[in-house]
Amino acid sequence: SLYFLTFCTLRRKPLLHIKGIPEFLIEEITFYEKNIHKLVAYTIMPDHIHMIVEIECAESLSIFLRDFKRFTSKGIKSRMKEMGIDIDGHIWQPGTMDHCIRMSWENRDYHNHLCYIFYNSIKHLNIPPQNFPYHNFTDVVAQGMLPSDFCMMNKNTGSKFEVYEKGG
């Protein structure tokens, strides 16, 4: 099964783009991929992460999320403490928004969620995916899943992705 995942920092604090933290998260995302079948796509925004993952069983998804959030929480706190920023409490909001991607002949659900992940850098930061460093857009393009000029569009084109904000 393919799942679209969203998890946010507690109270949507913009912690995830602090120096060194996105690179740490990318390392951990790829390290924890062994707990799932395949990591398809991800993006790290200042206060949330989106992923599409392929899993073999629901238990592996729960274990991945539990371990990833637990370990990265400790790592983020440690890195912030080294910078003189003390964080009390949790890094991540409890729970995760997940959506089982429905497969069809057209693969619209899959394609729309994939596009949404990389549209996030335009929507939230006004940075095209080609210039945004905290995702795997280049890998997705290399696999032929999206064109390299994705999001080189006018502002109205992105309105079709707004539906995915309502659930999270």
C-alpha atoms as a PDB file:
ATOM      1  CA  SER A   1       0.000   0.000   0.000  1.00  0.00           C
ATOM      2  CA  LEU A   2       1.039   3.585  -0.634  1.00  0.00           C
ATOM      3  CA  TYR A   3       0.446   6.176   2.079  1.00  0.00           C
ATOM      4  CA  PHE A   4       0.605   9.952   2.034  1.00  0.00           C
ATOM      5  CA  LEU A   5       1.801  11.102   5.476  1.00  0.00           C
ATOM      6  CA  THR A   6       1.870  14.500   7.140  1.00  0.00           C
ATOM      7  CA  PHE A   7       3.249  15.226  10.560  1.00  0.00           C
ATOM      8  CA  CYS A   8       3.739  18.608  12.136  1.00  0.00           C
ATOM      9  CA  THR A   9       5.802  20.208  14.844  1.00  0.00           C
ATOM     10  CA  LEU A  10       3.974  20.940  18.083  1.00  0.00           C
ATOM     11  CA  ARG A  11       1.902  24.103  17.663  1.00  0.00           C
ATOM     12  CA  ARG A  12       3.418  24.356  14.158  1.00  0.00           C
ATOM     13  CA  LYS A  13       6.636  25.885  15.508  1.00  0.00           C
ATOM     14  CA  PRO A  14       8.986  26.558  12.551  1.00  0.00           C
ATOM     15  CA  LEU A  15      11.857  24.412  13.862  1.00  0.00           C
ATOM     16  CA  LEU A  16      12.648  22.218  10.877  1.00  0.00           C
ATOM     17  CA  HIS A  17      14.659  24.742   8.826  1.00  0.00           C
ATOM     18  CA  ILE A  18      17.004  25.764  11.641  1.00  0.00           C
ATOM     19  CA  LYS A  19      20.639  25.288  10.594  1.00  0.00           C
ATOM     20  CA  GLY A  20      21.600  21.604  10.411  1.00  0.00           C
ATOM     21  CA  ILE A  21      18.145  20.224  11.228  1.00  0.00           C
ATOM     22  CA  PRO A  22      16.856  19.594   7.675  1.00  0.00           C
ATOM     23  CA  GLU A  23      20.064  17.748   6.783  1.00  0.00           C
ATOM     24  CA  PHE A  24      19.730  15.654   9.945  1.00  0.00           C
ATOM     25  CA  LEU A  25      16.094  14.859   9.076  1.00  0.00           C
ATOM     26  CA  ILE A  26      17.006  13.821   5.525  1.00  0.00           C
ATOM     27  CA  GLU A  27      19.637  11.431   6.908  1.00  0.00           C
ATOM     28  CA  GLU A  28      17.082   9.968   9.305  1.00  0.00           C
ATOM     29  CA  ILE A  29      14.361   9.665   6.666  1.00  0.00           C
ATOM     30  CA  THR A  30      16.699   7.608   4.494  1.00  0.00           C
ATOM     31  CA  PHE A  31      17.990   5.611   7.491  1.00  0.00           C
ATOM     32  CA  TYR A  32      14.481   4.712   8.698  1.00  0.00           C
ATOM     33  CA  GLU A  33      13.396   3.736   5.186  1.00  0.00           C
ATOM     34  CA  LYS A  34      14.511   0.206   6.110  1.00  0.00           C
ATOM     35  CA  ASN A  35      11.431  -0.005   8.384  1.00  0.00           C
ATOM     36  CA  ILE A  36       9.108   0.451   5.420  1.00  0.00           C
ATOM     37  CA  HIS A  37       9.193  -1.005   1.929  1.00  0.00           C
ATOM     38  CA  LYS A  38      10.025   2.167  -0.021  1.00  0.00           C
ATOM     39  CA  LEU A  39      10.282   5.906   0.462  1.00  0.00           C
ATOM     40  CA  VAL A  40       8.772   7.441  -2.687  1.00  0.00           C
ATOM     41  CA  ALA A  41       8.844  11.180  -1.950  1.00  0.00           C
ATOM     42  CA  TYR A  42       9.323  13.631   0.899  1.00  0.00           C
ATOM     43  CA  THR A  43       9.537  17.329   1.617  1.00  0.00           C
ATOM     44  CA  ILE A  44      10.592  19.079   4.802  1.00  0.00           C
ATOM     45  CA  MET A  45       8.852  22.385   5.415  1.00  0.00           C
ATOM     46  CA  PRO A  46       9.630  24.683   8.387  1.00  0.00           C
ATOM     47  CA  ASP A  47       6.840  23.199  10.535  1.00  0.00           C
ATOM     48  CA  HIS A  48       5.795  19.935   8.867  1.00  0.00           C
ATOM     49  CA  ILE A  49       6.930  16.985   6.775  1.00  0.00           C
ATOM     50  CA  HIS A  50       5.077  15.264   3.935  1.00  0.00           C
ATOM     51  CA  MET A  51       5.978  11.802   2.653  1.00  0.00           C
ATOM     52  CA  ILE A  52       4.695   9.149   0.323  1.00  0.00           C
ATOM     53  CA  VAL A  53       5.776   5.719   1.500  1.00  0.00           C
ATOM     54  CA  GLU A  54       5.103   2.231   0.261  1.00  0.00           C
ATOM     55  CA  ILE A  55       4.583  -0.270   3.067  1.00  0.00           C
ATOM     56  CA  GLU A  56       4.102  -3.995   3.278  1.00  0.00           C
ATOM     57  CA  CYS A  57       1.976  -3.975   6.441  1.00  0.00           C
ATOM     58  CA  ALA A  58       0.316  -1.380   8.679  1.00  0.00           C
ATOM     59  CA  GLU A  59       2.490  -2.411  11.616  1.00  0.00           C
ATOM     60  CA  SER A  60       5.646  -1.385   9.743  1.00  0.00           C
ATOM     61  CA  LEU A  61       4.168   2.102   9.203  1.00  0.00           C
ATOM     62  CA  SER A  62       3.401   2.481  12.917  1.00  0.00           C
ATOM     63  CA  ILE A  63       6.890   1.321  13.879  1.00  0.00           C
ATOM     64  CA  PHE A  64       8.489   3.665  11.324  1.00  0.00           C
ATOM     65  CA  LEU A  65       6.551   6.689  12.595  1.00  0.00           C
ATOM     66  CA  ARG A  66       7.094   5.864  16.275  1.00  0.00           C
ATOM     67  CA  ASP A  67      10.839   5.327  15.898  1.00  0.00           C
ATOM     68  CA  PHE A  68      11.411   8.189  13.467  1.00  0.00           C
ATOM     69  CA  LYS A  69       9.542  10.741  15.573  1.00  0.00           C
ATOM     70  CA  ARG A  70      11.145   9.542  18.824  1.00  0.00           C
ATOM     71  CA  PHE A  71      14.719   9.596  17.529  1.00  0.00           C
ATOM     72  CA  THR A  72      14.422  12.830  15.541  1.00  0.00           C
ATOM     73  CA  SER A  73      12.853  14.575  18.509  1.00  0.00           C
ATOM     74  CA  LYS A  74      15.947  13.798  20.589  1.00  0.00           C
ATOM     75  CA  GLY A  75      18.264  14.760  17.719  1.00  0.00           C
ATOM     76  CA  ILE A  76      16.511  18.082  17.079  1.00  0.00           C
ATOM     77  CA  LYS A  77      16.605  18.987  20.776  1.00  0.00           C
ATOM     78  CA  SER A  78      20.293  18.090  20.970  1.00  0.00           C
ATOM     79  CA  ARG A  79      21.197  20.195  17.918  1.00  0.00           C
ATOM     80  CA  MET A  80      19.180  23.133  19.169  1.00  0.00           C
ATOM     81  CA  LYS A  81      20.801  22.920  22.586  1.00  0.00           C
ATOM     82  CA  GLU A  82      24.236  23.084  20.906  1.00  0.00           C
ATOM     83  CA  MET A  83      23.076  26.362  19.316  1.00  0.00           C
ATOM     84  CA  GLY A  84      21.944  27.731  22.678  1.00  0.00           C
ATOM     85  CA  ILE A  85      18.242  27.176  22.005  1.00  0.00           C
ATOM     86  CA  ASP A  86      16.542  25.199  24.766  1.00  0.00           C
ATOM     87  CA  ILE A  87      13.346  23.356  23.864  1.00  0.00           C
ATOM     88  CA  ASP A  88      11.135  21.946  26.582  1.00  0.00           C
ATOM     89  CA  GLY A  89       8.525  19.352  25.791  1.00  0.00           C
ATOM     90  CA  HIS A  90       7.678  17.652  22.552  1.00  0.00           C
ATOM     91  CA  ILE A  91       8.940  18.456  19.065  1.00  0.00           C
ATOM     92  CA  TRP A  92       6.162  16.667  17.144  1.00  0.00           C
ATOM     93  CA  GLN A  93       2.400  16.943  17.450  1.00  0.00           C
ATOM     94  CA  PRO A  94       0.833  13.688  18.586  1.00  0.00           C
ATOM     95  CA  GLY A  95      -0.392  11.512  15.752  1.00  0.00           C
ATOM     96  CA  THR A  96       0.081  11.669  12.023  1.00  0.00           C
ATOM     97  CA  MET A  97      -2.319  12.495   9.229  1.00  0.00           C
ATOM     98  CA  ASP A  98      -2.263   9.549   6.854  1.00  0.00           C
ATOM     99  CA  HIS A  99      -4.108   8.784   3.656  1.00  0.00           C
ATOM    100  CA  CYS A 100      -4.046   5.443   1.872  1.00  0.00           C
ATOM    101  CA  ILE A 101      -3.525   6.329  -1.772  1.00  0.00           C
ATOM    102  CA  ARG A 102      -6.177   4.796  -3.990  1.00  0.00           C
ATOM    103  CA  MET A 103      -4.705   3.165  -7.061  1.00  0.00           C
ATOM    104  CA  SER A 104      -6.615   3.394 -10.324  1.00  0.00           C
ATOM    105  CA  TRP A 105      -5.899   3.131 -14.031  1.00  0.00           C
ATOM    106  CA  GLU A 106      -5.234   6.865 -14.179  1.00  0.00           C
ATOM    107  CA  ASN A 107      -3.331   6.986 -10.837  1.00  0.00           C
ATOM    108  CA  ARG A 108      -4.840  10.438 -10.189  1.00  0.00           C
ATOM    109  CA  ASP A 109      -4.754  10.089  -6.389  1.00  0.00           C
ATOM    110  CA  TYR A 110      -1.097   9.071  -6.457  1.00  0.00           C
ATOM    111  CA  HIS A 111      -0.107  11.721  -8.993  1.00  0.00           C
ATOM    112  CA  ASN A 112      -2.006  14.502  -7.178  1.00  0.00           C
ATOM    113  CA  HIS A 113      -0.358  13.675  -3.840  1.00  0.00           C
ATOM    114  CA  LEU A 114       3.075  13.459  -5.460  1.00  0.00           C
ATOM    115  CA  CYS A 115       2.552  16.872  -7.068  1.00  0.00           C
ATOM    116  CA  TYR A 116       1.289  18.305  -3.802  1.00  0.00           C
ATOM    117  CA  ILE A 117       4.459  17.294  -1.950  1.00  0.00           C
ATOM    118  CA  PHE A 118       6.650  19.273  -4.326  1.00  0.00           C
ATOM    119  CA  TYR A 119       4.161  22.116  -4.714  1.00  0.00           C
ATOM    120  CA  ASN A 120       4.583  22.848  -0.979  1.00  0.00           C
ATOM    121  CA  SER A 121       7.807  24.815  -1.471  1.00  0.00           C
ATOM    122  CA  ILE A 122       5.990  27.160  -3.870  1.00  0.00           C
ATOM    123  CA  LYS A 123       2.894  27.434  -1.708  1.00  0.00           C
ATOM    124  CA  HIS A 124       4.550  28.076   1.648  1.00  0.00           C
ATOM    125  CA  LEU A 125       7.928  29.597   0.744  1.00  0.00           C
ATOM    126  CA  ASN A 126       7.580  30.791  -2.875  1.00  0.00           C
ATOM    127  CA  ILE A 127      10.542  28.596  -3.870  1.00  0.00           C
ATOM    128  CA  PRO A 128      10.199  26.377  -6.954  1.00  0.00           C
ATOM    129  CA  PRO A 129      11.004  22.705  -6.310  1.00  0.00           C
ATOM    130  CA  GLN A 130      14.054  22.946  -8.568  1.00  0.00           C
ATOM    131  CA  ASN A 131      15.588  25.431  -6.080  1.00  0.00           C
ATOM    132  CA  PHE A 132      14.355  23.931  -2.803  1.00  0.00           C
ATOM    133  CA  PRO A 133      16.980  21.838  -0.969  1.00  0.00           C
ATOM    134  CA  TYR A 134      14.885  19.811   1.493  1.00  0.00           C
ATOM    135  CA  HIS A 135      13.138  17.155  -0.603  1.00  0.00           C
ATOM    136  CA  ASN A 136      13.904  14.425  -3.121  1.00  0.00           C
ATOM    137  CA  PHE A 137      12.512  16.185  -6.207  1.00  0.00           C
ATOM    138  CA  THR A 138      15.634  15.429  -8.276  1.00  0.00           C
ATOM    139  CA  ASP A 139      15.252  11.682  -7.597  1.00  0.00           C
ATOM    140  CA  VAL A 140      11.569  11.765  -8.540  1.00  0.00           C
ATOM    141  CA  VAL A 141      12.382  13.590 -11.800  1.00  0.00           C
ATOM    142  CA  ALA A 142      15.198  11.117 -12.557  1.00  0.00           C
ATOM    143  CA  GLN A 143      12.696   8.249 -12.161  1.00  0.00           C
ATOM    144  CA  GLY A 144      10.377   9.938 -14.667  1.00  0.00           C
ATOM    145  CA  MET A 145       7.564  10.528 -12.178  1.00  0.00           C
ATOM    146  CA  LEU A 146       7.482  14.322 -12.722  1.00  0.00           C
ATOM    147  CA  PRO A 147       8.920  16.651 -15.368  1.00  0.00           C
ATOM    148  CA  SER A 148      11.953  18.747 -14.436  1.00  0.00           C
ATOM    149  CA  ASP A 149       9.976  21.942 -15.133  1.00  0.00           C
ATOM    150  CA  PHE A 150       7.215  20.998 -12.651  1.00  0.00           C
ATOM    151  CA  CYS A 151       5.763  24.095 -10.940  1.00  0.00           C
ATOM    152  CA  MET A 152       7.092  26.476 -13.557  1.00  0.00           C
ATOM    153  CA  MET A 153       3.509  27.657 -13.782  1.00  0.00           C
ATOM    154  CA  ASN A 154       1.236  30.556 -13.029  1.00  0.00           C
ATOM    155  CA  LYS A 155      -0.250  31.036  -9.551  1.00  0.00           C
ATOM    156  CA  ASN A 156      -3.686  29.666 -10.561  1.00  0.00           C
ATOM    157  CA  THR A 157      -2.284  26.255 -11.456  1.00  0.00           C
ATOM    158  CA  GLY A 158      -1.595  25.424  -7.797  1.00  0.00           C
ATOM    159  CA  SER A 159      -5.214  25.878  -6.711  1.00  0.00           C
ATOM    160  CA  LYS A 160      -5.983  22.235  -7.618  1.00  0.00           C
ATOM    161  CA  PHE A 161      -3.683  21.092  -4.790  1.00  0.00           C
ATOM    162  CA  GLU A 162      -5.539  23.057  -2.086  1.00  0.00           C
ATOM    163  CA  VAL A 163      -7.792  20.067  -1.372  1.00  0.00           C
ATOM    164  CA  TYR A 164      -4.921  18.358   0.480  1.00  0.00           C
ATOM    165  CA  GLU A 165      -4.660  21.182   3.042  1.00  0.00           C
ATOM    166  CA  LYS A 166      -8.186  20.577   4.308  1.00  0.00           C
ATOM    167  CA  GLY A 167      -7.367  17.172   5.820  1.00  0.00           C
ATOM    168  CA  GLY A 168      -4.269  18.193   7.780  1.00  0.00           C
END
